[in-house]
């Protein structure tokens, strides 16, 4: 039996609204319209869904683990109400000067996802809103998608690293495309 397909999603700017001042509380953790329904559709179509997110706000002291957990519990509860779920959330708690391997654009989070799910990441869709998401996806052979939400418009305006990367308005549009492609 073939393994269920896997998809990797960035969090801030893909699932929830992003902020240059960081998402520091459950109240600031506001879902982008249509993102939860898109994740539910993926789950109902048999996808395993992993979230890979840089959370340097932890290292910077902007919020603590309890706050991060409450944000993720909010996500899990909201998805459950729609018949959806994410299978795992992987996060980098480090700051940019920590020189870790898990902070995107380094591939550590994606490699950990592949290991945890025992899954070859070649061709796995990765949805992000920044160049660092796309670069990390390419490093592991995954297939990057860019959304215009979050920092997506800024990423497009810079015009770097976007060769052969499909660009969509939001996560719902990406999911529509992926599910259409999967059903032929």
N, C-alpha and C. Protein backbone atom coordinates (compact mmCIF):
# COMPACT_ATOMS: atom_id res chain seq x y z
N UNK A 1 0.83 -1.18 0.00
CA UNK A 1 0.00 0.00 0.00
C UNK A 1 0.88 1.25 0.00
N UNK A 2 0.58 2.19 -0.85
CA UNK A 2 1.37 3.42 -0.95
C UNK A 2 1.14 4.30 0.28
N UNK A 3 2.18 5.00 0.64
CA UNK A 3 2.06 5.93 1.77
C UNK A 3 1.14 7.07 1.39
N UNK A 4 0.44 7.60 2.38
CA UNK A 4 -0.39 8.78 2.14
C UNK A 4 0.50 9.92 1.67
N UNK A 5 0.00 10.74 0.76
CA UNK A 5 0.82 11.87 0.32
C UNK A 5 1.06 12.85 1.48
N UNK A 6 2.17 13.54 1.39
CA UNK A 6 2.58 14.48 2.43
C UNK A 6 2.63 15.87 1.83
N UNK A 7 2.28 16.86 2.62
CA UNK A 7 2.44 18.27 2.25
C UNK A 7 3.00 18.99 3.46
N UNK A 8 3.87 19.98 3.20
CA UNK A 8 4.48 20.77 4.26
C UNK A 8 4.05 22.22 4.08
N UNK A 9 3.56 22.81 5.16
CA UNK A 9 3.08 24.19 5.13
C UNK A 9 3.89 25.06 6.08
N UNK A 10 4.23 26.26 5.63
CA UNK A 10 4.74 27.27 6.55
C UNK A 10 3.54 27.73 7.38
N UNK A 11 3.77 28.36 8.50
CA UNK A 11 2.66 28.80 9.36
C UNK A 11 2.31 30.26 9.11
N UNK A 12 3.13 31.18 9.63
CA UNK A 12 2.82 32.61 9.55
C UNK A 12 2.86 33.08 8.11
N UNK A 13 1.75 33.63 7.65
CA UNK A 13 1.65 34.12 6.29
C UNK A 13 1.04 33.12 5.33
N UNK A 14 0.90 31.88 5.76
CA UNK A 14 0.27 30.84 4.93
C UNK A 14 -1.02 30.38 5.58
N UNK A 15 -0.95 30.02 6.86
CA UNK A 15 -2.13 29.55 7.60
C UNK A 15 -2.77 30.73 8.35
N UNK A 16 -1.93 31.52 8.97
CA UNK A 16 -2.42 32.67 9.77
C UNK A 16 -1.76 33.95 9.28
N UNK A 17 -2.36 35.06 9.65
CA UNK A 17 -1.82 36.37 9.29
C UNK A 17 -0.41 36.50 9.88
N UNK A 18 0.44 37.20 9.17
CA UNK A 18 1.80 37.42 9.63
C UNK A 18 1.94 38.87 10.11
N UNK A 19 3.00 39.13 10.83
CA UNK A 19 3.27 40.48 11.31
C UNK A 19 4.77 40.68 11.42
N UNK A 20 5.25 41.84 10.99
CA UNK A 20 6.67 42.16 11.17
C UNK A 20 7.02 42.29 12.64
N UNK A 21 6.02 42.45 13.49
CA UNK A 21 6.22 42.54 14.94
C UNK A 21 6.05 41.18 15.62
N UNK A 22 5.95 40.11 14.83
CA UNK A 22 5.80 38.74 15.33
C UNK A 22 4.39 38.49 15.84
N UNK A 23 4.00 37.23 15.78
CA UNK A 23 2.74 36.79 16.35
C UNK A 23 3.09 36.34 17.77
N UNK A 24 2.66 37.10 18.76
CA UNK A 24 3.13 36.93 20.13
C UNK A 24 2.08 36.40 21.09
N UNK A 25 0.86 36.23 20.63
CA UNK A 25 -0.19 35.77 21.55
C UNK A 25 -1.26 35.02 20.76
N UNK A 26 -2.07 34.30 21.49
CA UNK A 26 -3.18 33.58 20.86
C UNK A 26 -4.15 34.57 20.19
N UNK A 27 -4.30 35.75 20.77
CA UNK A 27 -5.20 36.77 20.20
C UNK A 27 -4.67 37.27 18.85
N UNK A 28 -3.34 37.34 18.69
CA UNK A 28 -2.74 37.79 17.43
C UNK A 28 -2.69 36.68 16.39
N UNK A 29 -2.98 35.47 16.79
CA UNK A 29 -2.94 34.29 15.92
C UNK A 29 -4.28 34.19 15.19
N UNK A 30 -4.39 34.90 14.07
CA UNK A 30 -5.64 35.04 13.32
C UNK A 30 -5.48 34.32 11.98
N UNK A 31 -6.42 33.44 11.69
CA UNK A 31 -6.33 32.63 10.49
C UNK A 31 -6.65 33.43 9.22
N UNK A 32 -5.90 33.16 8.17
CA UNK A 32 -6.17 33.75 6.86
C UNK A 32 -7.46 33.12 6.34
N UNK A 33 -8.40 33.91 5.84
CA UNK A 33 -9.65 33.35 5.34
C UNK A 33 -9.40 32.22 4.32
N UNK A 34 -10.07 31.10 4.56
CA UNK A 34 -9.97 29.96 3.67
C UNK A 34 -8.86 28.98 3.97
N UNK A 35 -7.91 29.37 4.83
CA UNK A 35 -6.77 28.48 5.09
C UNK A 35 -7.17 27.23 5.86
N UNK A 36 -8.01 27.38 6.86
CA UNK A 36 -8.42 26.20 7.63
C UNK A 36 -9.23 25.23 6.77
N UNK A 37 -10.12 25.77 5.95
CA UNK A 37 -10.92 24.92 5.06
C UNK A 37 -10.02 24.18 4.07
N UNK A 38 -8.96 24.86 3.61
CA UNK A 38 -8.02 24.22 2.69
C UNK A 38 -7.29 23.06 3.36
N UNK A 39 -6.86 23.27 4.59
CA UNK A 39 -6.19 22.20 5.33
C UNK A 39 -7.15 21.03 5.56
N UNK A 40 -8.39 21.35 5.90
CA UNK A 40 -9.39 20.29 6.10
C UNK A 40 -9.58 19.49 4.81
N UNK A 41 -9.63 20.18 3.67
CA UNK A 41 -9.76 19.48 2.38
C UNK A 41 -8.59 18.53 2.14
N UNK A 42 -7.38 18.99 2.44
CA UNK A 42 -6.20 18.13 2.28
C UNK A 42 -6.31 16.89 3.17
N UNK A 43 -6.67 17.11 4.43
CA UNK A 43 -6.81 15.99 5.36
C UNK A 43 -7.86 15.00 4.86
N UNK A 44 -8.99 15.52 4.42
CA UNK A 44 -10.07 14.65 3.94
C UNK A 44 -9.69 13.92 2.66
N UNK A 45 -8.74 14.47 1.90
CA UNK A 45 -8.26 13.82 0.68
C UNK A 45 -7.15 12.81 0.97
N UNK A 46 -6.81 12.64 2.25
CA UNK A 46 -5.84 11.62 2.64
C UNK A 46 -4.42 12.11 2.81
N UNK A 47 -4.20 13.40 2.76
CA UNK A 47 -2.86 13.94 2.95
C UNK A 47 -2.46 13.94 4.41
N UNK A 48 -1.16 13.69 4.63
CA UNK A 48 -0.56 13.96 5.93
C UNK A 48 -0.03 15.39 5.83
N UNK A 49 -0.25 16.17 6.85
CA UNK A 49 0.05 17.59 6.82
C UNK A 49 1.01 17.93 7.94
N UNK A 50 2.16 18.48 7.54
CA UNK A 50 3.16 18.94 8.51
C UNK A 50 3.31 20.44 8.37
N UNK A 51 3.50 21.11 9.49
CA UNK A 51 3.77 22.54 9.51
C UNK A 51 5.23 22.71 9.91
N UNK A 52 5.96 23.55 9.17
CA UNK A 52 7.36 23.85 9.47
C UNK A 52 7.49 25.35 9.61
N UNK A 53 7.84 25.82 10.80
CA UNK A 53 7.80 27.26 11.06
C UNK A 53 8.98 27.74 11.89
N UNK A 54 9.60 28.82 11.44
CA UNK A 54 10.60 29.51 12.25
C UNK A 54 9.86 30.30 13.33
N UNK A 55 10.26 30.13 14.56
CA UNK A 55 9.64 30.86 15.67
C UNK A 55 10.72 31.50 16.54
N UNK A 56 11.47 32.41 15.93
CA UNK A 56 12.56 33.07 16.66
C UNK A 56 12.05 33.98 17.77
N UNK A 57 10.75 34.26 17.79
CA UNK A 57 10.16 35.02 18.89
C UNK A 57 10.42 34.35 20.23
N UNK A 58 10.59 33.02 20.23
CA UNK A 58 10.93 32.30 21.47
C UNK A 58 12.32 32.75 21.94
N UNK A 59 13.30 32.69 21.04
CA UNK A 59 14.67 33.06 21.40
C UNK A 59 14.77 34.54 21.77
N UNK A 60 13.93 35.36 21.15
CA UNK A 60 13.97 36.80 21.39
C UNK A 60 13.19 37.19 22.65
N UNK A 61 12.48 36.22 23.25
CA UNK A 61 11.73 36.49 24.47
C UNK A 61 10.39 37.19 24.25
N UNK A 62 9.89 37.16 23.02
CA UNK A 62 8.60 37.82 22.73
C UNK A 62 7.41 36.99 23.22
N UNK A 63 7.61 35.69 23.33
CA UNK A 63 6.58 34.79 23.89
C UNK A 63 7.29 33.54 24.39
N UNK A 64 6.55 32.72 25.15
CA UNK A 64 7.14 31.51 25.72
C UNK A 64 6.47 30.27 25.12
N UNK A 65 6.95 29.10 25.55
CA UNK A 65 6.42 27.83 25.01
C UNK A 65 4.94 27.67 25.29
N UNK A 66 4.48 28.09 26.45
CA UNK A 66 3.05 27.98 26.76
C UNK A 66 2.22 28.78 25.76
N UNK A 67 2.70 29.95 25.40
CA UNK A 67 1.98 30.78 24.43
C UNK A 67 1.99 30.12 23.06
N UNK A 68 3.15 29.61 22.65
CA UNK A 68 3.24 28.92 21.36
C UNK A 68 2.29 27.72 21.35
N UNK A 69 2.28 26.96 22.43
CA UNK A 69 1.38 25.81 22.52
C UNK A 69 -0.09 26.24 22.46
N UNK A 70 -0.43 27.36 23.07
CA UNK A 70 -1.83 27.81 23.02
C UNK A 70 -2.22 28.22 21.61
N UNK A 71 -1.28 28.81 20.86
CA UNK A 71 -1.57 29.14 19.46
C UNK A 71 -1.82 27.86 18.66
N UNK A 72 -0.97 26.87 18.88
CA UNK A 72 -1.12 25.63 18.12
C UNK A 72 -2.35 24.85 18.54
N UNK A 73 -2.72 24.93 19.83
CA UNK A 73 -3.98 24.31 20.26
C UNK A 73 -5.18 24.98 19.59
N UNK A 74 -5.11 26.30 19.44
CA UNK A 74 -6.17 27.03 18.74
C UNK A 74 -6.30 26.51 17.30
N UNK A 75 -5.16 26.28 16.65
CA UNK A 75 -5.17 25.74 15.29
C UNK A 75 -5.79 24.34 15.26
N UNK A 76 -5.35 23.47 16.16
CA UNK A 76 -5.88 22.10 16.21
C UNK A 76 -7.39 22.09 16.45
N UNK A 77 -7.86 22.91 17.38
CA UNK A 77 -9.29 22.94 17.70
C UNK A 77 -10.11 23.49 16.53
N UNK A 78 -9.62 24.55 15.90
CA UNK A 78 -10.34 25.13 14.77
C UNK A 78 -10.42 24.14 13.60
N UNK A 79 -9.34 23.42 13.36
CA UNK A 79 -9.35 22.42 12.28
C UNK A 79 -10.29 21.26 12.61
N UNK A 80 -10.28 20.82 13.86
CA UNK A 80 -11.15 19.70 14.25
C UNK A 80 -12.62 20.04 13.99
N UNK A 81 -13.00 21.29 14.20
CA UNK A 81 -14.39 21.69 13.95
C UNK A 81 -14.76 21.59 12.47
N UNK A 82 -13.75 21.60 11.61
CA UNK A 82 -13.99 21.52 10.17
C UNK A 82 -13.70 20.13 9.60
N UNK A 83 -13.39 19.19 10.49
CA UNK A 83 -13.06 17.84 10.03
C UNK A 83 -11.66 17.74 9.46
N UNK A 84 -10.76 18.61 9.93
CA UNK A 84 -9.39 18.60 9.45
C UNK A 84 -8.41 18.46 10.59
N UNK A 85 -7.14 18.35 10.22
CA UNK A 85 -6.09 18.31 11.23
C UNK A 85 -4.73 18.46 10.57
N UNK A 86 -3.76 18.87 11.37
CA UNK A 86 -2.37 18.78 10.96
C UNK A 86 -1.78 17.63 11.76
N UNK A 87 -0.90 16.87 11.11
CA UNK A 87 -0.34 15.69 11.75
C UNK A 87 0.81 16.04 12.69
N UNK A 88 1.53 17.12 12.39
CA UNK A 88 2.65 17.51 13.25
C UNK A 88 3.04 18.95 12.94
N UNK A 89 3.52 19.64 13.98
CA UNK A 89 4.04 20.99 13.83
C UNK A 89 5.50 20.96 14.28
N UNK A 90 6.38 21.32 13.36
CA UNK A 90 7.80 21.38 13.64
C UNK A 90 8.20 22.85 13.67
N UNK A 91 8.95 23.26 14.68
CA UNK A 91 9.32 24.67 14.75
C UNK A 91 10.77 24.83 15.17
N UNK A 92 11.38 25.89 14.66
CA UNK A 92 12.72 26.27 15.07
C UNK A 92 12.58 27.37 16.12
N UNK A 93 13.08 27.13 17.35
CA UNK A 93 12.97 28.12 18.42
C UNK A 93 14.14 29.10 18.46
N UNK A 94 15.07 28.97 17.52
CA UNK A 94 16.32 29.72 17.58
C UNK A 94 16.23 31.09 16.91
N UNK A 95 17.16 31.94 17.29
CA UNK A 95 17.28 33.24 16.64
C UNK A 95 18.23 33.15 15.45
N UNK A 96 18.29 34.20 14.65
CA UNK A 96 19.12 34.17 13.45
C UNK A 96 20.62 34.05 13.72
N UNK A 97 21.07 34.38 14.92
CA UNK A 97 22.50 34.30 15.23
C UNK A 97 22.89 33.00 15.92
N UNK A 98 21.95 32.07 16.04
CA UNK A 98 22.23 30.81 16.73
C UNK A 98 22.90 29.77 15.83
N UNK A 99 22.92 30.00 14.53
CA UNK A 99 23.59 29.11 13.57
C UNK A 99 23.14 27.66 13.70
N UNK A 100 21.84 27.47 13.85
CA UNK A 100 21.28 26.12 13.93
C UNK A 100 21.03 25.61 12.50
N UNK A 101 20.69 24.35 12.39
CA UNK A 101 20.36 23.77 11.09
C UNK A 101 18.86 23.74 10.85
N UNK A 102 18.06 24.15 11.85
CA UNK A 102 16.61 24.04 11.70
C UNK A 102 15.95 25.34 11.26
N UNK A 103 16.65 26.44 11.31
CA UNK A 103 16.05 27.72 10.91
C UNK A 103 16.08 27.84 9.39
N UNK A 104 14.87 27.91 8.80
CA UNK A 104 14.82 28.07 7.35
C UNK A 104 15.51 29.37 6.96
N UNK A 105 16.33 29.40 5.95
CA UNK A 105 16.37 28.53 4.78
C UNK A 105 17.19 27.25 4.92
N UNK A 106 17.77 26.98 6.09
CA UNK A 106 18.44 25.69 6.28
C UNK A 106 17.37 24.59 6.24
N UNK A 107 17.74 23.38 5.88
CA UNK A 107 16.74 22.33 5.65
C UNK A 107 16.38 21.48 6.86
N UNK A 108 16.91 21.80 8.05
CA UNK A 108 16.74 20.92 9.20
C UNK A 108 15.31 20.54 9.55
N UNK A 109 14.39 21.52 9.53
CA UNK A 109 12.99 21.19 9.86
C UNK A 109 12.43 20.20 8.85
N UNK A 110 12.71 20.41 7.57
CA UNK A 110 12.18 19.53 6.53
C UNK A 110 12.80 18.14 6.63
N UNK A 111 14.10 18.09 6.92
CA UNK A 111 14.75 16.78 7.09
C UNK A 111 14.14 16.02 8.26
N UNK A 112 13.85 16.74 9.34
CA UNK A 112 13.21 16.11 10.50
C UNK A 112 11.82 15.58 10.15
N UNK A 113 11.09 16.33 9.35
CA UNK A 113 9.76 15.88 8.90
C UNK A 113 9.90 14.59 8.08
N UNK A 114 10.83 14.58 7.14
CA UNK A 114 11.05 13.38 6.33
C UNK A 114 11.40 12.18 7.19
N UNK A 115 12.26 12.40 8.18
CA UNK A 115 12.66 11.32 9.08
C UNK A 115 11.48 10.84 9.92
N UNK A 116 10.75 11.78 10.52
CA UNK A 116 9.64 11.42 11.40
C UNK A 116 8.55 10.66 10.67
N UNK A 117 8.28 11.07 9.41
CA UNK A 117 7.23 10.40 8.62
C UNK A 117 7.79 9.27 7.77
N UNK A 118 9.12 9.04 7.84
CA UNK A 118 9.77 8.03 7.00
C UNK A 118 9.36 8.24 5.55
N UNK A 119 9.65 9.43 5.05
CA UNK A 119 9.12 9.87 3.76
C UNK A 119 10.22 10.55 2.95
N UNK A 120 10.36 10.14 1.70
CA UNK A 120 11.28 10.79 0.77
C UNK A 120 10.64 12.12 0.36
N UNK A 121 11.31 13.23 0.59
CA UNK A 121 10.72 14.54 0.34
C UNK A 121 10.79 14.99 -1.13
N UNK A 122 11.36 14.15 -1.99
CA UNK A 122 11.43 14.51 -3.41
C UNK A 122 10.04 14.76 -3.96
N UNK A 123 9.82 15.97 -4.47
CA UNK A 123 8.54 16.30 -5.08
C UNK A 123 7.41 16.62 -4.11
N UNK A 124 7.67 16.56 -2.81
CA UNK A 124 6.63 16.87 -1.83
C UNK A 124 6.30 18.36 -1.92
N UNK A 125 5.01 18.72 -2.00
CA UNK A 125 4.67 20.14 -2.04
C UNK A 125 4.99 20.83 -0.72
N UNK A 126 5.62 22.01 -0.83
CA UNK A 126 5.92 22.85 0.32
C UNK A 126 5.35 24.23 0.00
N UNK A 127 4.47 24.71 0.87
CA UNK A 127 3.81 26.00 0.64
C UNK A 127 4.37 27.02 1.61
N UNK A 128 4.90 28.11 1.05
CA UNK A 128 5.47 29.17 1.87
C UNK A 128 5.17 30.54 1.30
N UNK A 129 5.56 31.55 2.08
CA UNK A 129 5.35 32.95 1.65
C UNK A 129 6.66 33.71 1.55
N UNK A 130 7.79 33.03 1.74
CA UNK A 130 9.07 33.74 1.70
C UNK A 130 10.12 32.90 0.97
N UNK A 131 11.17 33.59 0.54
CA UNK A 131 12.25 32.93 -0.17
C UNK A 131 12.88 31.84 0.69
N UNK A 132 12.95 32.05 1.99
CA UNK A 132 13.58 31.04 2.86
C UNK A 132 12.80 29.72 2.83
N UNK A 133 11.48 29.79 2.70
CA UNK A 133 10.68 28.56 2.59
C UNK A 133 11.02 27.82 1.28
N UNK A 134 11.11 28.60 0.19
CA UNK A 134 11.39 28.03 -1.12
C UNK A 134 12.79 27.41 -1.16
N UNK A 135 13.76 28.11 -0.58
CA UNK A 135 15.14 27.62 -0.58
C UNK A 135 15.27 26.33 0.21
N UNK A 136 14.64 26.26 1.37
CA UNK A 136 14.70 25.04 2.18
C UNK A 136 14.04 23.88 1.43
N UNK A 137 12.92 24.16 0.76
CA UNK A 137 12.24 23.12 -0.01
C UNK A 137 13.14 22.59 -1.13
N UNK A 138 13.77 23.49 -1.85
CA UNK A 138 14.66 23.07 -2.94
C UNK A 138 15.82 22.22 -2.43
N UNK A 139 16.36 22.58 -1.28
CA UNK A 139 17.51 21.86 -0.73
C UNK A 139 17.19 20.39 -0.51
N UNK A 140 15.96 20.07 -0.14
CA UNK A 140 15.59 18.67 0.12
C UNK A 140 14.89 18.03 -1.09
N UNK A 141 14.83 18.74 -2.21
CA UNK A 141 14.21 18.18 -3.42
C UNK A 141 12.70 18.25 -3.43
N UNK A 142 12.13 19.03 -2.51
CA UNK A 142 10.67 19.19 -2.47
C UNK A 142 10.24 20.18 -3.56
N UNK A 143 8.93 20.31 -3.74
CA UNK A 143 8.37 21.17 -4.78
C UNK A 143 7.78 22.42 -4.12
N UNK A 144 8.46 23.57 -4.25
CA UNK A 144 7.98 24.79 -3.58
C UNK A 144 6.81 25.46 -4.30
N UNK A 145 5.91 25.99 -3.50
CA UNK A 145 4.80 26.83 -3.96
C UNK A 145 4.87 28.12 -3.15
N UNK A 146 4.56 29.25 -3.81
CA UNK A 146 4.56 30.53 -3.12
C UNK A 146 3.14 31.09 -3.09
N UNK A 147 2.75 31.60 -1.92
CA UNK A 147 1.46 32.29 -1.81
C UNK A 147 1.70 33.79 -1.68
N UNK A 148 0.72 34.56 -2.14
CA UNK A 148 0.82 36.02 -2.09
C UNK A 148 0.52 36.58 -0.69
N UNK A 149 -0.09 35.76 0.17
CA UNK A 149 -0.43 36.20 1.52
C UNK A 149 0.85 36.34 2.34
N UNK A 150 0.73 36.91 3.53
CA UNK A 150 1.90 37.08 4.39
C UNK A 150 2.95 37.95 3.72
N UNK A 151 4.16 37.41 3.63
CA UNK A 151 5.27 38.14 2.99
C UNK A 151 5.38 37.80 1.51
N UNK A 152 4.39 37.10 0.96
CA UNK A 152 4.45 36.65 -0.42
C UNK A 152 4.62 37.77 -1.44
N UNK A 153 3.86 38.85 -1.30
CA UNK A 153 3.98 39.96 -2.25
C UNK A 153 5.37 40.58 -2.19
N UNK A 154 5.94 40.69 -0.99
CA UNK A 154 7.31 41.22 -0.86
C UNK A 154 8.31 40.30 -1.53
N UNK A 155 8.10 39.00 -1.37
CA UNK A 155 8.99 38.00 -1.98
C UNK A 155 8.92 38.13 -3.50
N UNK A 156 7.72 38.28 -4.04
CA UNK A 156 7.55 38.43 -5.48
C UNK A 156 8.23 39.72 -5.96
N UNK A 157 8.06 40.79 -5.22
CA UNK A 157 8.64 42.09 -5.61
C UNK A 157 10.16 42.02 -5.69
N UNK A 158 10.78 41.22 -4.82
CA UNK A 158 12.25 41.08 -4.86
C UNK A 158 12.69 40.32 -6.10
N UNK A 159 11.82 39.41 -6.59
CA UNK A 159 12.07 38.73 -7.84
C UNK A 159 13.20 37.72 -7.86
N UNK A 160 13.73 37.35 -6.72
CA UNK A 160 14.84 36.40 -6.66
C UNK A 160 14.34 35.01 -6.27
N UNK A 161 14.94 34.00 -6.88
CA UNK A 161 14.69 32.62 -6.48
C UNK A 161 13.31 32.09 -6.81
N UNK A 162 12.64 32.72 -7.77
CA UNK A 162 11.26 32.31 -8.09
C UNK A 162 11.15 31.48 -9.37
N UNK A 163 12.28 31.15 -9.99
CA UNK A 163 12.24 30.37 -11.22
C UNK A 163 11.50 29.06 -10.99
N UNK A 164 10.53 28.80 -11.84
CA UNK A 164 9.75 27.55 -11.82
C UNK A 164 8.96 27.34 -10.54
N UNK A 165 8.68 28.41 -9.82
CA UNK A 165 7.87 28.31 -8.60
C UNK A 165 6.47 28.82 -8.92
N UNK A 166 5.45 27.95 -8.82
CA UNK A 166 4.09 28.43 -9.04
C UNK A 166 3.67 29.39 -7.92
N UNK A 167 2.98 30.45 -8.31
CA UNK A 167 2.54 31.48 -7.37
C UNK A 167 1.01 31.49 -7.34
N UNK A 168 0.46 31.45 -6.13
CA UNK A 168 -0.98 31.42 -5.93
C UNK A 168 -1.41 32.53 -4.98
N UNK A 169 -2.67 32.91 -5.06
CA UNK A 169 -3.18 33.97 -4.19
C UNK A 169 -3.11 33.61 -2.72
N UNK A 170 -3.39 32.34 -2.39
CA UNK A 170 -3.45 31.92 -0.99
C UNK A 170 -3.39 30.40 -0.91
N UNK A 171 -3.41 29.88 0.30
CA UNK A 171 -3.33 28.44 0.51
C UNK A 171 -4.50 27.71 -0.14
N UNK A 172 -5.69 28.28 -0.06
CA UNK A 172 -6.86 27.63 -0.67
C UNK A 172 -6.64 27.41 -2.17
N UNK A 173 -6.05 28.37 -2.86
CA UNK A 173 -5.81 28.23 -4.30
C UNK A 173 -4.76 27.16 -4.58
N UNK A 174 -3.72 27.08 -3.75
CA UNK A 174 -2.71 26.03 -3.91
C UNK A 174 -3.35 24.67 -3.74
N UNK A 175 -4.14 24.52 -2.69
CA UNK A 175 -4.77 23.23 -2.39
C UNK A 175 -5.70 22.83 -3.53
N UNK A 176 -6.46 23.76 -4.05
CA UNK A 176 -7.33 23.47 -5.19
C UNK A 176 -6.52 22.90 -6.35
N UNK A 177 -5.38 23.53 -6.65
CA UNK A 177 -4.53 23.09 -7.74
C UNK A 177 -3.94 21.71 -7.48
N UNK A 178 -3.44 21.49 -6.26
CA UNK A 178 -2.84 20.20 -5.92
C UNK A 178 -3.86 19.08 -5.98
N UNK A 179 -5.05 19.33 -5.45
CA UNK A 179 -6.08 18.28 -5.46
C UNK A 179 -6.59 18.01 -6.87
N UNK A 180 -6.69 19.03 -7.70
CA UNK A 180 -7.08 18.81 -9.10
C UNK A 180 -6.03 17.99 -9.82
N UNK A 181 -4.76 18.31 -9.58
CA UNK A 181 -3.66 17.59 -10.21
C UNK A 181 -3.67 16.12 -9.77
N UNK A 182 -3.96 15.88 -8.49
CA UNK A 182 -3.95 14.52 -7.94
C UNK A 182 -5.06 13.66 -8.52
N UNK A 183 -6.19 14.28 -8.85
CA UNK A 183 -7.31 13.51 -9.38
C UNK A 183 -7.33 13.48 -10.90
N UNK A 184 -6.38 14.19 -11.52
CA UNK A 184 -6.25 14.17 -12.97
C UNK A 184 -7.23 15.05 -13.61
